[in-house]
Protein backbone atom coordinates (compact mmCIF):
# COMPACT_ATOMS: atom_id res chain seq x y z
CA MET A 1 -19.23 -12.37 21.67
CA GLN A 2 -19.34 -8.59 21.57
CA THR A 3 -19.33 -6.62 24.77
CA LYS A 4 -21.31 -3.42 24.92
CA ALA A 5 -19.00 -0.55 25.77
CA PRO A 6 -19.85 1.26 28.99
CA SER A 7 -21.04 4.81 28.90
CA LEU A 8 -17.91 6.73 29.77
CA GLY A 9 -17.81 9.82 31.91
CA ILE A 10 -14.63 11.10 30.34
CA ASP A 11 -12.05 12.60 32.68
CA ARG A 12 -10.04 14.19 29.89
CA LYS A 13 -7.54 15.89 32.19
CA GLY A 14 -6.88 12.60 33.90
CA ARG A 15 -6.44 10.81 30.59
CA LEU A 16 -3.83 13.33 29.51
CA GLN A 17 -1.74 12.20 32.46
CA ILE A 18 -1.58 8.59 31.22
CA PRO A 19 1.86 8.06 29.67
CA PRO A 20 2.20 6.54 26.19
CA GLN A 21 2.72 2.81 26.45
CA PRO A 22 6.04 1.37 25.24
CA ALA A 23 5.83 -0.42 21.91
CA PRO A 24 8.00 -3.57 22.13
CA ARG A 25 10.34 -4.02 19.19
CA GLN A 26 13.07 -6.37 18.13
CA PRO A 27 16.49 -4.88 18.97
CA ALA A 28 18.31 -3.68 15.86
CA GLU A 29 21.18 -6.15 16.30
CA GLU A 30 18.67 -9.02 16.23
CA ARG A 31 16.22 -7.89 13.59
CA VAL A 32 18.89 -7.32 10.92
CA ARG A 33 19.42 -11.09 10.98
CA ASN A 34 15.81 -12.02 10.29
CA TRP A 35 12.78 -10.97 8.27
CA ALA A 36 10.26 -11.01 11.14
CA GLU A 37 8.21 -7.91 11.87
CA VAL A 38 10.00 -5.29 13.95
CA PHE A 39 7.06 -4.36 16.18
CA LEU A 40 6.30 -7.30 18.46
CA GLY A 41 2.73 -6.26 19.23
CA PHE A 42 0.91 -5.12 22.35
CA ASP A 43 -0.53 -7.47 24.94
CA LEU A 44 -4.12 -6.90 26.08
CA ASP A 45 -3.24 -5.03 29.28
CA THR A 46 -0.94 -2.62 27.45
CA ALA A 47 -3.45 -2.12 24.64
CA VAL A 48 -6.22 -1.31 27.13
CA VAL A 49 -4.09 1.32 28.86
CA GLU A 50 -3.04 2.87 25.55
CA ALA A 51 -6.68 2.95 24.38
CA SER A 52 -7.63 4.73 27.61
CA ARG A 53 -5.49 7.70 26.49
CA CYS A 54 -8.19 8.50 23.89
CA LEU A 55 -10.14 11.65 24.83
CA HIS A 56 -13.19 10.73 22.72
CA CYS A 57 -13.23 14.22 21.27
CA PRO A 58 -16.73 15.22 20.12
CA ALA A 59 -15.32 16.45 16.79
CA ALA A 60 -13.29 13.22 16.31
CA PRO A 61 -10.51 14.75 14.16
CA CYS A 62 -8.86 11.33 13.90
CA VAL A 63 -11.92 9.98 12.08
CA LYS A 64 -11.99 12.92 9.68
CA ALA A 65 -8.29 12.38 8.90
CA CYS A 66 -8.81 8.70 8.04
CA PRO A 67 -9.56 8.10 4.33
CA LEU A 68 -11.82 5.22 5.41
CA ARG A 69 -13.52 7.22 8.17
CA ASN A 70 -12.88 4.45 10.68
CA ASP A 71 -14.83 4.92 13.92
CA ILE A 72 -11.63 5.11 15.95
CA PRO A 73 -13.16 6.38 19.23
CA GLY A 74 -15.86 3.70 19.04
CA ALA A 75 -13.29 0.95 18.50
CA LEU A 76 -11.00 2.21 21.26
CA GLU A 77 -13.93 2.48 23.68
CA LEU A 78 -14.62 -1.21 23.17
CA LEU A 79 -10.93 -2.07 23.48
CA GLU A 80 -10.72 -0.08 26.71
CA ALA A 81 -13.62 -2.20 27.97
CA GLY A 82 -11.44 -5.26 27.32
CA ASP A 83 -13.07 -6.48 24.10
CA PRO A 84 -10.59 -6.32 21.18
CA ILE A 85 -12.80 -8.62 19.10
CA ALA A 86 -15.71 -6.17 19.17
CA ALA A 87 -13.23 -3.37 18.49
CA ALA A 88 -11.95 -5.25 15.44
CA ASP A 89 -15.53 -5.58 14.19
CA VAL A 90 -15.86 -1.78 14.37
CA PHE A 91 -12.71 -1.33 12.28
CA ARG A 92 -13.94 -3.94 9.78
CA LYS A 93 -17.19 -2.05 9.22
CA THR A 94 -15.23 0.54 7.25
CA SER A 95 -11.96 -1.23 6.42
CA ASN A 96 -11.27 -4.47 4.58
CA LEU A 97 -7.62 -4.52 5.68
CA PRO A 98 -7.28 -3.20 9.26
CA GLU A 99 -4.40 -5.58 10.00
CA VAL A 100 -2.57 -4.13 6.99
CA CYS A 101 -3.46 -0.46 7.46
CA GLY A 102 -2.50 -0.68 11.14
CA ARG A 103 0.98 -1.63 9.98
CA VAL A 104 1.71 0.38 6.85
CA CYS A 105 -0.47 3.51 6.98
CA PRO A 106 1.40 6.76 7.66
CA GLN A 107 -0.64 7.36 10.81
CA GLU A 108 1.50 10.36 11.74
CA ARG A 109 0.07 12.12 8.67
CA LEU A 110 -3.48 10.81 9.09
CA CYS A 111 -5.31 9.75 12.25
CA GLU A 112 -2.45 10.14 14.73
CA GLY A 113 -1.38 13.38 13.12
CA SER A 114 -4.81 14.80 13.99
CA CYS A 115 -5.00 13.29 17.49
CA VAL A 116 -5.53 16.01 20.12
CA VAL A 117 -3.47 14.03 22.63
CA GLY A 118 -0.45 14.54 20.38
CA ARG A 119 -0.68 18.27 20.99
CA SER A 120 -0.67 17.86 24.77
CA LYS A 121 2.36 17.97 27.07
CA THR A 122 3.18 14.33 26.31
CA GLY A 123 3.61 15.26 22.66
CA LYS A 124 2.67 11.72 21.66
CA PRO A 125 -0.70 10.86 20.13
CA VAL A 126 -2.62 7.71 20.92
CA GLN A 127 -0.94 4.87 19.01
CA ILE A 128 -3.99 4.26 16.85
CA GLY A 129 -2.26 2.20 14.18
CA LYS A 130 -0.73 -0.24 16.63
CA LEU A 131 -4.06 -0.59 18.45
CA GLU A 132 -5.87 -1.25 15.16
CA GLN A 133 -3.24 -3.88 14.38
CA PHE A 134 -3.65 -5.45 17.85
CA CYS A 135 -7.42 -5.73 17.54
CA ALA A 136 -7.35 -7.16 14.02
CA ASP A 137 -4.55 -9.60 14.87
CA THR A 138 -6.33 -10.78 18.02
CA GLN A 139 -9.53 -11.43 16.11
CA ARG A 140 -7.72 -13.27 13.32
CA ALA A 141 -5.77 -15.42 15.81
CA GLN A 142 -8.84 -16.35 17.84
CA HIS A 143 -11.58 -16.58 15.23
CA GLY A 144 -10.01 -16.24 11.80
CA LEU A 145 -11.31 -13.72 9.28
CA PRO A 146 -15.11 -13.68 8.90
CA ALA A 147 -16.24 -15.37 5.69
CA PRO A 148 -20.04 -15.31 5.66
CA ALA A 149 -22.01 -17.41 3.22
CA VAL A 150 -23.29 -15.33 0.30
CA LEU A 151 -26.33 -15.81 -1.90
CA PHE A 152 -25.09 -14.87 -5.37
CA GLY A 153 -27.14 -13.13 -8.04
CA ASP A 154 -26.58 -13.26 -11.79
CA ALA A 155 -24.49 -10.12 -12.37
CA PRO A 156 -20.84 -11.26 -12.30
CA VAL A 157 -18.09 -8.66 -11.95
CA ALA A 158 -14.47 -8.83 -13.09
CA ILE A 159 -11.71 -7.15 -11.12
CA VAL A 160 -8.38 -6.60 -12.81
CA GLY A 161 -5.64 -6.36 -10.19
CA ALA A 162 -5.36 -8.18 -6.85
CA GLY A 163 -3.79 -5.40 -4.79
CA PRO A 164 -5.48 -3.38 -2.00
CA ALA A 165 -8.11 -1.71 -4.22
CA GLY A 166 -8.98 -4.98 -5.95
CA ILE A 167 -9.14 -6.91 -2.68
CA ALA A 168 -11.47 -4.34 -1.08
CA ALA A 169 -13.75 -4.22 -4.11
CA ALA A 170 -13.86 -8.01 -4.35
CA GLU A 171 -14.94 -8.41 -0.74
CA GLU A 172 -17.57 -5.67 -0.89
CA LEU A 173 -19.06 -6.85 -4.19
CA THR A 174 -19.20 -10.42 -2.92
CA ARG A 175 -21.02 -9.31 0.22
CA LEU A 176 -23.47 -7.50 -2.05
CA GLY A 177 -24.19 -10.79 -3.83
CA HIS A 178 -22.14 -10.49 -7.02
CA PRO A 179 -20.01 -13.37 -8.29
CA VAL A 180 -16.48 -11.93 -8.53
CA THR A 181 -13.50 -13.05 -10.56
CA VAL A 182 -10.16 -11.36 -9.95
CA TYR A 183 -7.62 -11.39 -12.78
CA ASP A 184 -4.04 -10.67 -11.79
CA ALA A 185 -0.75 -10.57 -13.67
CA TRP A 186 1.22 -12.37 -10.95
CA PRO A 187 1.16 -16.06 -10.02
CA ARG A 188 -0.32 -15.24 -6.59
CA PRO A 189 -2.71 -12.45 -5.51
CA GLY A 190 -1.82 -9.58 -3.22
CA GLY A 191 -0.13 -7.05 -5.47
CA ILE A 192 2.02 -4.63 -3.51
CA LEU A 193 1.03 -6.35 -0.26
CA ARG A 194 2.73 -9.55 -1.38
CA PHE A 195 5.50 -8.31 -3.65
CA GLY A 196 6.22 -4.70 -2.71
CA ILE A 197 6.19 -4.54 1.11
CA PRO A 198 8.99 -6.34 2.97
CA ARG A 199 8.14 -9.09 5.43
CA PHE A 200 9.60 -7.13 8.37
CA LYS A 201 6.73 -4.66 7.86
CA LEU A 202 3.94 -7.02 6.81
CA ASP A 203 3.99 -10.74 7.55
CA ILE A 204 2.99 -12.65 4.43
CA GLU A 205 0.63 -14.83 6.51
CA ILE A 206 -1.64 -11.79 6.81
CA VAL A 207 -1.93 -11.55 3.03
CA ASP A 208 -2.47 -15.29 2.71
CA ALA A 209 -5.24 -15.17 5.33
CA LYS A 210 -7.03 -12.40 3.44
CA VAL A 211 -6.84 -14.27 0.15
CA ALA A 212 -8.12 -17.42 1.85
CA GLN A 213 -11.04 -15.44 3.30
CA LEU A 214 -12.04 -14.11 -0.12
CA GLU A 215 -11.79 -17.55 -1.71
CA ALA A 216 -13.91 -19.01 1.12
CA MET A 217 -16.55 -16.37 0.31
CA GLY A 218 -16.57 -17.47 -3.32
CA VAL A 219 -14.17 -15.05 -4.98
CA ARG A 220 -12.39 -16.68 -7.91
CA VAL A 221 -8.77 -15.67 -8.57
CA VAL A 222 -7.24 -16.16 -12.01
CA PRO A 223 -3.47 -15.62 -11.79
CA GLU A 224 -1.06 -14.79 -14.60
CA SER A 225 -3.76 -12.88 -16.47
CA ARG A 226 -2.28 -9.57 -17.56
CA LEU A 227 -4.49 -7.05 -19.27
CA GLY A 228 -3.01 -6.19 -22.64
CA PRO A 229 -2.64 -7.61 -26.16
CA GLY A 230 -4.61 -10.85 -26.37
CA PHE A 231 -6.59 -10.13 -23.20
CA GLY A 232 -8.38 -6.82 -23.45
CA ILE A 233 -11.51 -5.27 -21.99
CA SER A 234 -13.70 -6.79 -24.70
CA ASP A 235 -12.30 -10.23 -23.87
CA VAL A 236 -13.17 -9.75 -20.19
CA PHE A 237 -16.74 -8.77 -21.07
CA ALA A 238 -16.95 -11.71 -23.45
CA LEU A 239 -16.34 -14.03 -20.49
CA GLY A 240 -19.75 -13.01 -19.18
CA HIS A 241 -18.91 -10.20 -16.77
CA ALA A 242 -21.44 -7.42 -16.47
CA ALA A 243 -18.96 -4.84 -15.15
CA ILE A 244 -15.21 -4.44 -14.73
CA PHE A 245 -13.18 -2.74 -12.01
CA LEU A 246 -9.64 -1.78 -13.05
CA ALA A 247 -7.24 -1.81 -10.11
CA VAL A 248 -3.84 -2.57 -11.60
CA GLY A 249 -1.99 0.00 -9.48
CA ALA A 250 1.15 1.98 -10.23
CA SER A 251 3.95 -0.54 -10.18
CA ALA A 252 6.31 0.83 -12.84
CA GLY A 253 9.38 2.46 -11.35
CA ASN A 254 10.55 5.92 -12.40
CA ARG A 255 13.94 6.09 -14.07
CA LEU A 256 16.88 8.37 -13.36
CA ASN A 257 17.54 8.80 -17.09
CA ILE A 258 21.31 8.76 -16.65
CA PRO A 259 24.00 7.00 -18.71
CA GLY A 260 24.64 3.43 -17.57
CA GLU A 261 21.20 2.95 -16.02
CA ASP A 262 20.66 -0.18 -18.12
CA LEU A 263 23.79 -1.93 -16.86
CA PRO A 264 23.36 -5.29 -15.11
CA GLY A 265 23.23 -4.72 -11.37
CA VAL A 266 21.00 -1.65 -11.67
CA TYR A 267 17.47 -2.37 -10.45
CA SER A 268 14.28 -0.42 -10.08
CA ALA A 269 12.87 -0.52 -6.56
CA THR A 270 9.95 -2.55 -7.93
CA GLU A 271 12.18 -5.29 -9.31
CA PHE A 272 14.48 -5.27 -6.28
CA LEU A 273 11.65 -5.69 -3.77
CA MET A 274 9.90 -8.29 -5.91
CA ARG A 275 13.09 -10.32 -6.03
CA VAL A 276 13.51 -9.97 -2.28
CA ASN A 277 9.90 -10.89 -1.46
CA ALA A 278 9.08 -13.53 -4.05
CA ASN A 279 9.32 -17.26 -3.58
CA PRO A 280 10.33 -19.23 -6.69
CA ALA A 281 6.67 -20.07 -7.37
CA ASP A 282 5.82 -16.36 -7.33
CA ARG A 283 8.23 -15.30 -10.06
CA PRO A 284 7.25 -15.47 -13.73
CA ASP A 285 10.57 -17.16 -14.59
CA GLY A 286 10.34 -19.58 -11.65
CA ASN A 287 13.68 -18.48 -10.19
CA ARG A 288 14.27 -16.89 -6.81
CA ASP A 289 17.27 -15.04 -8.26
CA PRO A 290 18.68 -13.99 -4.88
CA LEU A 291 20.83 -10.88 -4.66
CA GLU A 292 24.23 -11.98 -3.43
CA ALA A 293 25.32 -10.98 0.06
CA GLY A 294 28.62 -9.23 0.77
CA GLN A 295 28.15 -6.38 -1.65
CA HIS A 296 27.83 -2.64 -1.42
CA ILE A 297 24.29 -1.63 -2.25
CA VAL A 298 23.42 1.99 -2.99
CA VAL A 299 19.80 3.12 -3.05
CA VAL A 300 18.91 6.43 -4.69
CA GLY A 301 15.75 7.90 -3.18
CA ALA A 302 14.30 8.97 0.14
CA GLY A 303 10.70 7.83 0.63
CA ASP A 304 9.26 4.76 2.31
CA THR A 305 10.11 2.62 -0.71
CA ALA A 306 13.76 3.65 -0.43
CA MET A 307 13.69 2.70 3.26
CA ASP A 308 12.16 -0.67 2.34
CA CYS A 309 15.04 -1.21 -0.10
CA VAL A 310 17.89 -0.22 2.22
CA ARG A 311 16.49 -2.20 5.13
CA SER A 312 16.01 -5.24 2.89
CA ALA A 313 19.57 -4.84 1.65
CA VAL A 314 20.84 -4.96 5.22
CA ARG A 315 18.98 -8.23 5.79
CA LEU A 316 20.45 -9.67 2.61
CA GLY A 317 23.83 -9.39 4.32
CA ALA A 318 25.35 -6.57 2.30
CA ARG A 319 28.72 -5.29 3.55
CA ALA A 320 27.57 -1.70 3.28
CA VAL A 321 24.26 -0.07 2.45
CA THR A 322 24.05 3.61 1.48
CA CYS A 323 21.02 5.77 0.82
CA VAL A 324 21.72 8.81 -1.37
CA TYR A 325 19.25 11.70 -1.51
CA ARG A 326 19.53 14.94 -3.41
CA ARG A 327 18.05 17.07 -0.63
CA SER A 328 18.76 17.18 3.11
CA GLU A 329 17.25 14.92 5.76
CA ALA A 330 14.81 17.70 6.69
CA GLU A 331 13.21 17.40 3.24
CA MET A 332 12.94 13.61 3.21
CA PRO A 333 9.44 12.31 2.51
CA GLY A 334 8.07 9.17 4.13
CA ARG A 335 7.71 7.98 7.70
CA ARG A 336 10.15 9.14 10.35
CA GLU A 337 9.83 5.77 12.08
CA GLU A 338 11.13 3.98 8.99
CA ARG A 339 14.13 6.31 8.75
CA ARG A 340 14.89 5.79 12.43
CA TYR A 341 14.80 2.03 11.92
CA ALA A 342 17.18 2.36 8.96
CA HIS A 343 19.64 4.43 11.02
CA GLU A 344 19.48 1.85 13.84
CA GLU A 345 20.14 -0.96 11.39
CA GLY A 346 23.36 0.58 10.11
CA VAL A 347 22.28 2.22 6.87
CA GLN A 348 24.55 5.11 5.86
CA PHE A 349 22.94 8.28 4.49
CA HIS A 350 24.52 10.64 1.99
CA PHE A 351 22.54 13.84 1.55
CA LEU A 352 22.67 16.62 -1.04
CA ALA A 353 23.95 14.41 -3.85
CA SER A 354 22.42 13.39 -7.17
CA PRO A 355 23.50 10.60 -9.55
CA VAL A 356 25.16 11.63 -12.82
CA ARG A 357 25.97 8.27 -14.39
CA ALA A 358 26.45 4.60 -13.59
CA LEU A 359 29.90 3.24 -14.45
CA GLY A 360 30.88 -0.23 -15.62
CA GLU A 361 31.19 -2.40 -18.69
CA THR A 362 29.48 -5.74 -18.08
CA HIS A 363 28.14 -4.83 -14.62
CA VAL A 364 27.70 -1.65 -12.60
CA ARG A 365 30.85 -0.98 -10.55
CA ALA A 366 30.46 2.62 -9.43
CA VAL A 367 28.12 5.59 -9.58
CA GLU A 368 29.22 9.15 -10.17
CA PHE A 369 27.35 11.77 -8.16
CA VAL A 370 27.37 15.54 -8.05
CA ARG A 371 26.92 17.49 -4.83
CA MET A 372 23.79 19.63 -4.57
CA GLU A 373 22.82 22.75 -2.68
CA LEU A 374 19.39 23.86 -1.53
CA GLY A 375 17.68 26.80 -3.17
CA GLU A 376 14.52 28.71 -2.43
CA PRO A 377 11.22 26.93 -1.72
CA ASP A 378 9.00 26.29 -4.73
CA SER A 379 5.23 26.85 -4.89
CA SER A 380 4.63 23.76 -2.75
CA GLY A 381 6.99 25.00 -0.05
CA ARG A 382 9.60 22.37 -0.84
CA ARG A 383 13.13 23.69 -1.31
CA SER A 384 14.59 23.39 -4.78
CA VAL A 385 18.06 21.97 -5.42
CA ARG A 386 20.84 22.82 -7.85
CA PRO A 387 24.14 21.08 -8.63
CA ILE A 388 27.47 22.50 -7.46
CA ALA A 389 29.80 22.79 -10.43
CA GLY A 390 32.96 20.70 -10.19
CA SER A 391 31.80 18.74 -7.13
CA GLU A 392 31.52 15.30 -8.73
CA PHE A 393 32.53 12.24 -6.70
CA THR A 394 32.25 8.48 -7.12
CA ILE A 395 30.91 5.68 -4.91
CA GLU A 396 31.86 2.08 -5.70
CA VAL A 397 28.84 -0.23 -5.83
CA ASP A 398 27.90 -3.78 -6.69
CA THR A 399 24.19 -3.02 -6.86
CA LEU A 400 22.35 0.23 -7.56
CA VAL A 401 18.66 0.48 -6.69
CA VAL A 402 16.58 3.31 -8.12
CA ALA A 403 13.80 4.24 -5.69
CA ALA A 404 12.67 7.42 -7.42
CA GLY A 405 8.94 6.80 -7.17
CA TYR A 406 6.33 4.88 -9.13
CA ARG A 407 4.07 5.47 -12.09
CA VAL A 408 1.23 3.70 -13.86
CA ASP A 409 2.42 1.24 -16.50
CA ALA A 410 1.50 3.04 -19.72
CA THR A 411 1.36 -0.20 -21.71
CA VAL A 412 -1.65 -1.35 -19.65
CA VAL A 413 -3.88 1.70 -19.96
CA LYS A 414 -2.90 2.55 -23.51
CA GLY A 415 -3.90 -0.96 -24.48
CA ILE A 416 -7.53 -0.18 -23.57
CA PRO A 417 -9.06 1.50 -26.62
CA HIS A 418 -10.98 4.72 -26.02
CA LEU A 419 -10.30 4.78 -22.26
CA ALA A 420 -9.86 8.40 -21.16
CA ILE A 421 -6.50 9.06 -19.52
CA ARG A 422 -4.53 12.11 -18.53
CA ASP A 423 -0.85 12.85 -17.96
CA ALA A 424 1.32 10.00 -16.71
CA SER A 425 -1.25 7.46 -17.96
CA ILE A 426 -3.61 8.14 -15.06
CA VAL A 427 -7.10 6.88 -15.80
CA MET A 428 -9.81 9.53 -15.59
CA ALA A 429 -12.58 8.36 -13.29
CA ASP A 430 -15.27 9.91 -11.12
CA PRO A 431 -13.66 10.26 -7.64
CA GLU A 432 -16.88 9.25 -5.90
CA THR A 433 -17.85 6.27 -8.03
CA GLY A 434 -14.81 5.22 -10.04
CA GLU A 435 -16.82 5.40 -13.28
CA THR A 436 -14.72 5.84 -16.41
CA ASN A 437 -15.90 7.05 -19.81
CA LEU A 438 -16.54 3.44 -20.87
CA PRO A 439 -19.94 2.04 -19.81
CA GLY A 440 -19.55 -0.68 -17.21
CA VAL A 441 -15.84 0.02 -16.67
CA PHE A 442 -14.76 1.43 -13.32
CA ALA A 443 -11.29 2.18 -11.96
CA GLY A 444 -9.64 3.11 -8.67
CA GLY A 445 -6.54 3.12 -6.53
CA ASP A 446 -3.18 4.24 -7.89
CA LEU A 447 -4.47 3.78 -11.43
CA THR A 448 -6.64 6.88 -10.96
CA ARG A 449 -4.56 8.78 -8.39
CA GLY A 450 -0.98 8.03 -9.22
CA PRO A 451 1.21 6.48 -6.50
CA ASP A 452 -0.65 6.81 -3.20
CA LEU A 453 -1.42 4.86 -0.03
CA VAL A 454 -2.83 1.41 0.71
CA VAL A 455 -5.64 3.04 2.71
CA THR A 456 -6.71 5.31 -0.16
CA ALA A 457 -6.71 2.32 -2.51
CA VAL A 458 -8.97 0.43 -0.09
CA ALA A 459 -11.28 3.44 0.11
CA ASP A 460 -11.46 3.62 -3.69
CA GLY A 461 -12.23 -0.09 -3.94
CA ARG A 462 -15.08 0.20 -1.46
CA ARG A 463 -16.60 3.23 -3.18
CA ALA A 464 -16.34 1.60 -6.60
CA ALA A 465 -17.98 -1.59 -5.31
CA ARG A 466 -21.02 0.33 -4.15
CA ALA A 467 -21.19 2.25 -7.44
CA ILE A 468 -20.89 -0.97 -9.47
CA HIS A 469 -23.71 -2.50 -7.43
CA ARG A 470 -25.95 0.51 -8.18
CA TYR A 471 -24.98 0.35 -11.85
CA LEU A 472 -25.89 -3.33 -12.08
CA GLU A 473 -29.17 -2.76 -10.26
CA HIS A 474 -29.98 -0.11 -12.84
CA LEU A 475 -29.12 -2.48 -15.67
CA ALA A 476 -31.32 -5.19 -14.17
CA ALA A 477 -34.21 -2.77 -13.87
CA SER A 478 -33.71 -1.54 -17.44
CA GLY A 479 -34.31 -4.89 -19.08
CA ASP A 480 -33.36 -4.76 -22.76
CA GLU A 481 -31.34 -1.59 -22.14
CA ALA A 482 -28.86 -3.70 -20.22
CA SER A 483 -27.93 -5.84 -23.20
CA ARG A 484 -27.67 -2.77 -25.41
CA ASP A 485 -25.26 -1.10 -22.92
CA LEU A 486 -23.11 -4.20 -22.80
CA GLU A 487 -23.00 -4.35 -26.58
CA VAL A 488 -21.89 -0.71 -26.65
CA VAL A 489 -19.03 -1.19 -24.24
CA ALA A 490 -17.88 -4.37 -25.97
CA ALA A 491 -17.82 -2.59 -29.30
CA THR A 492 -16.05 0.53 -28.04
CA SER A 493 -13.43 -1.59 -26.29
CA ARG A 494 -12.26 -3.37 -29.41
CA PRO A 495 -9.21 -1.97 -31.20
């Protein structure tokens, strides 16, 4: 039952005196021996006190900084009144994955980065992400995820890709009354949530619960259905779908383009994390293929994905784990919290070094690096780097992981005839609707942005769902025009 939040006479000066509440975490020496989440969660009393630090600013900069425009002050007001379930309902009005976003969003760059409290003497913003996580987790534990009965119409929609954008679009379209079928390349749905984010950041039960909710609402999931030769856009339309939402993400890893990169023992971050996260049933070849413990693992890269890799390597039992980055720590992208965790867990960092070649015959045995020095800032303000002549050195490795960023898999988008794309195989789509140049075909998430955040993918999925609904309403009202439009898109989608 929801509790109406009281009308608050805000004592903002008094609230600024409330200290940030401690966030309980597993000690480093314990968490490196398990895959459980590091943050142990707030209890209700602690969450209420932390929520009471919110100043309820009239301008609500935290809301403006959230890609989903979550009503953060409204949710925290309800939480402060002792009703996390009602607070969770507020988050769910604008977010399909609050339990996920509360864990993996870079809040320091978004809502918390805009929190006025963070600019006060405490220097610490309200812990919005952890409070969002607490509310969503409490609701799920006590009531499960809401799966209302839906009265379906006769305009089925296909979604290609079961990651964050596809999940959000599937839920929204189902609520709008459209039968939804989700086609995904992997044996189980979830995309990056299941295969790309380590369990110590996102418990797999959260993903399973979301999939179960969608299936209870009537969403049909067809696994191991990869868009490409033999299963193209025209084939999807031929199955009776009136519109298609492309949400395949950007899962292909960037390469270093150095000699020896194809040696056994050299992995992209994508493959490494998939191998770490997947159960045998989740892998196309049916094998877990564990990475052996007791080795020296080197990860090249510096963002959150690199931190996921090094921290996973520690939990695999590697003797030594080293992160190598071509700039200094001051230039590292990604979340500071993740880097701090990596330091605490024993990861070694080697800055101002860039790989030259991987060495070995039948397996990678070492990597040659060259030392780098920082130059002047470029147009973005980021300092450039240049190699120092004659400074080469070698690090012995058993496994090399390349975490140099992601890109859209060109084989997917180039296999869709006449679909407009731009550099790096990014699909061109209206940013407000997700409409592509093909009638009835919409796209969103990393496929249209390049590698981005879970929260922006969710936002794209929600916007596209509303646009698809309007499109289908228009087709229904147009009568014969609808069939003509579908014939056009089917024809233009054939090779």
